[in-house]
Amino acid sequence: MPLILPIRDLRKTAEISELAHKEQQPIFITKNGYSDLVVMSAELYDKFARENRIDQAIYEAEKELAEGGESIELNDAFERLNKKYYG
């Protein structure tokens, strides 16, 4: 179940920080009954950002294939990456 707090509770910064770290999920802040902000721990933000980068890379690869991009064998891909990054 999502964590939802009114904006007036933002004054309780230490409590919100503790809650964000303990629950490891976004805290939705409402203003006048409507969603206004999202607060989360830095660790959770990093996790979301990392997952988004992976999702974006998958999307771009699928799009490239759909537009006629060439598929290569896994061993060939590793060989190219090793040459590129390790000489």
C-alpha atoms as a PDB file:
ATOM      1  CA  MET A   1       0.000   0.000   0.000  1.00  0.00           C
ATOM      2  CA  PRO A   2       1.455   3.404  -0.925  1.00  0.00           C
ATOM      3  CA  LEU A   3       2.562   5.802   1.786  1.00  0.00           C
ATOM      4  CA  ILE A   4       0.616   9.055   1.547  1.00  0.00           C
ATOM      5  CA  LEU A   5       1.176  12.083   3.773  1.00  0.00           C
ATOM      6  CA  PRO A   6      -0.211  15.624   3.727  1.00  0.00           C
ATOM      7  CA  ILE A   7       2.193  18.428   2.866  1.00  0.00           C
ATOM      8  CA  ARG A   8       2.040  19.851   6.406  1.00  0.00           C
ATOM      9  CA  ASP A   9       3.918  16.716   7.579  1.00  0.00           C
ATOM     10  CA  LEU A  10       7.010  17.835   5.632  1.00  0.00           C
ATOM     11  CA  ARG A  11       7.932  19.838   8.744  1.00  0.00           C
ATOM     12  CA  LYS A  12       8.767  16.493  10.378  1.00  0.00           C
ATOM     13  CA  THR A  13      11.882  15.991   8.282  1.00  0.00           C
ATOM     14  CA  ALA A  14      13.632  13.521  10.589  1.00  0.00           C
ATOM     15  CA  GLU A  15      10.529  11.334  10.828  1.00  0.00           C
ATOM     16  CA  ILE A  16       9.989  11.365   7.068  1.00  0.00           C
ATOM     17  CA  SER A  17      13.648  10.510   6.469  1.00  0.00           C
ATOM     18  CA  GLU A  18      13.438   7.603   8.897  1.00  0.00           C
ATOM     19  CA  LEU A  19      10.221   6.373   7.269  1.00  0.00           C
ATOM     20  CA  ALA A  20      11.687   6.613   3.759  1.00  0.00           C
ATOM     21  CA  HIS A  21      14.756   4.580   4.761  1.00  0.00           C
ATOM     22  CA  LYS A  22      12.758   2.033   6.754  1.00  0.00           C
ATOM     23  CA  GLU A  23      10.026   1.382   4.175  1.00  0.00           C
ATOM     24  CA  GLN A  24      12.193   1.727   1.022  1.00  0.00           C
ATOM     25  CA  GLN A  25       9.253   2.918  -1.041  1.00  0.00           C
ATOM     26  CA  PRO A  26       8.157   6.316  -2.325  1.00  0.00           C
ATOM     27  CA  ILE A  27       6.169   8.577  -0.001  1.00  0.00           C
ATOM     28  CA  PHE A  28       3.492  10.534  -1.827  1.00  0.00           C
ATOM     29  CA  ILE A  29       2.884  14.040  -0.496  1.00  0.00           C
ATOM     30  CA  THR A  30      -0.529  15.570  -1.082  1.00  0.00           C
ATOM     31  CA  LYS A  31      -1.541  19.214  -1.215  1.00  0.00           C
ATOM     32  CA  ASN A  32      -5.231  20.102  -0.932  1.00  0.00           C
ATOM     33  CA  GLY A  33      -6.042  16.420  -1.442  1.00  0.00           C
ATOM     34  CA  TYR A  34      -4.075  16.058  -4.677  1.00  0.00           C
ATOM     35  CA  SER A  35      -0.736  14.406  -5.342  1.00  0.00           C
ATOM     36  CA  ASP A  36       1.997  17.053  -5.302  1.00  0.00           C
ATOM     37  CA  LEU A  37       5.411  15.554  -4.471  1.00  0.00           C
ATOM     38  CA  VAL A  38       7.190  12.242  -4.053  1.00  0.00           C
ATOM     39  CA  VAL A  39       9.878  11.721  -1.412  1.00  0.00           C
ATOM     40  CA  MET A  40      12.203   8.709  -1.281  1.00  0.00           C
ATOM     41  CA  SER A  41      15.553   7.658   0.110  1.00  0.00           C
ATOM     42  CA  ALA A  42      18.644   8.220  -2.004  1.00  0.00           C
ATOM     43  CA  GLU A  43      19.184   4.447  -2.181  1.00  0.00           C
ATOM     44  CA  LEU A  44      15.702   3.894  -3.604  1.00  0.00           C
ATOM     45  CA  TYR A  45      16.187   6.736  -6.088  1.00  0.00           C
ATOM     46  CA  ASP A  46      19.466   5.173  -7.270  1.00  0.00           C
ATOM     47  CA  LYS A  47      17.672   1.833  -7.730  1.00  0.00           C
ATOM     48  CA  PHE A  48      14.907   3.478  -9.796  1.00  0.00           C
ATOM     49  CA  ALA A  49      17.448   5.367 -11.907  1.00  0.00           C
ATOM     50  CA  ARG A  50      19.474   2.189 -12.546  1.00  0.00           C
ATOM     51  CA  GLU A  51      16.347   0.254 -13.565  1.00  0.00           C
ATOM     52  CA  ASN A  52      15.292   3.093 -15.855  1.00  0.00           C
ATOM     53  CA  ARG A  53      18.691   3.049 -17.608  1.00  0.00           C
ATOM     54  CA  ILE A  54      18.360  -0.711 -18.174  1.00  0.00           C
ATOM     55  CA  ASP A  55      14.784  -0.347 -19.456  1.00  0.00           C
ATOM     56  CA  GLN A  56      15.881   2.473 -21.773  1.00  0.00           C
ATOM     57  CA  ALA A  57      18.762   0.389 -23.170  1.00  0.00           C
ATOM     58  CA  ILE A  58      16.405  -2.536 -23.848  1.00  0.00           C
ATOM     59  CA  TYR A  59      13.898  -0.210 -25.542  1.00  0.00           C
ATOM     60  CA  GLU A  60      16.583   1.296 -27.765  1.00  0.00           C
ATOM     61  CA  ALA A  61      17.916  -2.149 -28.725  1.00  0.00           C
ATOM     62  CA  GLU A  62      14.422  -3.406 -29.605  1.00  0.00           C
ATOM     63  CA  LYS A  63      13.750  -0.266 -31.635  1.00  0.00           C
ATOM     64  CA  GLU A  64      17.044  -0.667 -33.504  1.00  0.00           C
ATOM     65  CA  LEU A  65      16.185  -4.285 -34.386  1.00  0.00           C
ATOM     66  CA  ALA A  66      12.690  -3.278 -35.518  1.00  0.00           C
ATOM     67  CA  GLU A  67      14.239  -0.682 -37.819  1.00  0.00           C
ATOM     68  CA  GLY A  68      16.427  -3.296 -39.519  1.00  0.00           C
ATOM     69  CA  GLY A  69      19.387  -3.398 -37.161  1.00  0.00           C
ATOM     70  CA  GLU A  70      21.703  -6.385 -37.330  1.00  0.00           C
ATOM     71  CA  SER A  71      21.607  -9.034 -34.606  1.00  0.00           C
ATOM     72  CA  ILE A  72      24.938 -10.574 -33.589  1.00  0.00           C
ATOM     73  CA  GLU A  73      25.892 -13.699 -31.671  1.00  0.00           C
ATOM     74  CA  LEU A  74      26.601 -13.333 -27.968  1.00  0.00           C
ATOM     75  CA  ASN A  75      30.197 -14.543 -28.274  1.00  0.00           C
ATOM     76  CA  ASP A  76      30.837 -11.994 -31.025  1.00  0.00           C
ATOM     77  CA  ALA A  77      29.383  -9.234 -28.850  1.00  0.00           C
ATOM     78  CA  PHE A  78      31.647 -10.174 -25.929  1.00  0.00           C
ATOM     79  CA  GLU A  79      34.648 -10.329 -28.244  1.00  0.00           C
ATOM     80  CA  ARG A  80      33.908  -6.833 -29.587  1.00  0.00           C
ATOM     81  CA  LEU A  81      33.417  -5.440 -26.088  1.00  0.00           C
ATOM     82  CA  ASN A  82      36.657  -7.011 -24.847  1.00  0.00           C
ATOM     83  CA  LYS A  83      38.570  -5.520 -27.768  1.00  0.00           C
ATOM     84  CA  LYS A  84      36.943  -2.117 -27.265  1.00  0.00           C
ATOM     85  CA  TYR A  85      37.554  -1.859 -23.519  1.00  0.00           C
ATOM     86  CA  TYR A  86      40.587  -4.089 -22.905  1.00  0.00           C
ATOM     87  CA  GLY A  87      42.506  -3.877 -26.167  1.00  0.00           C
END
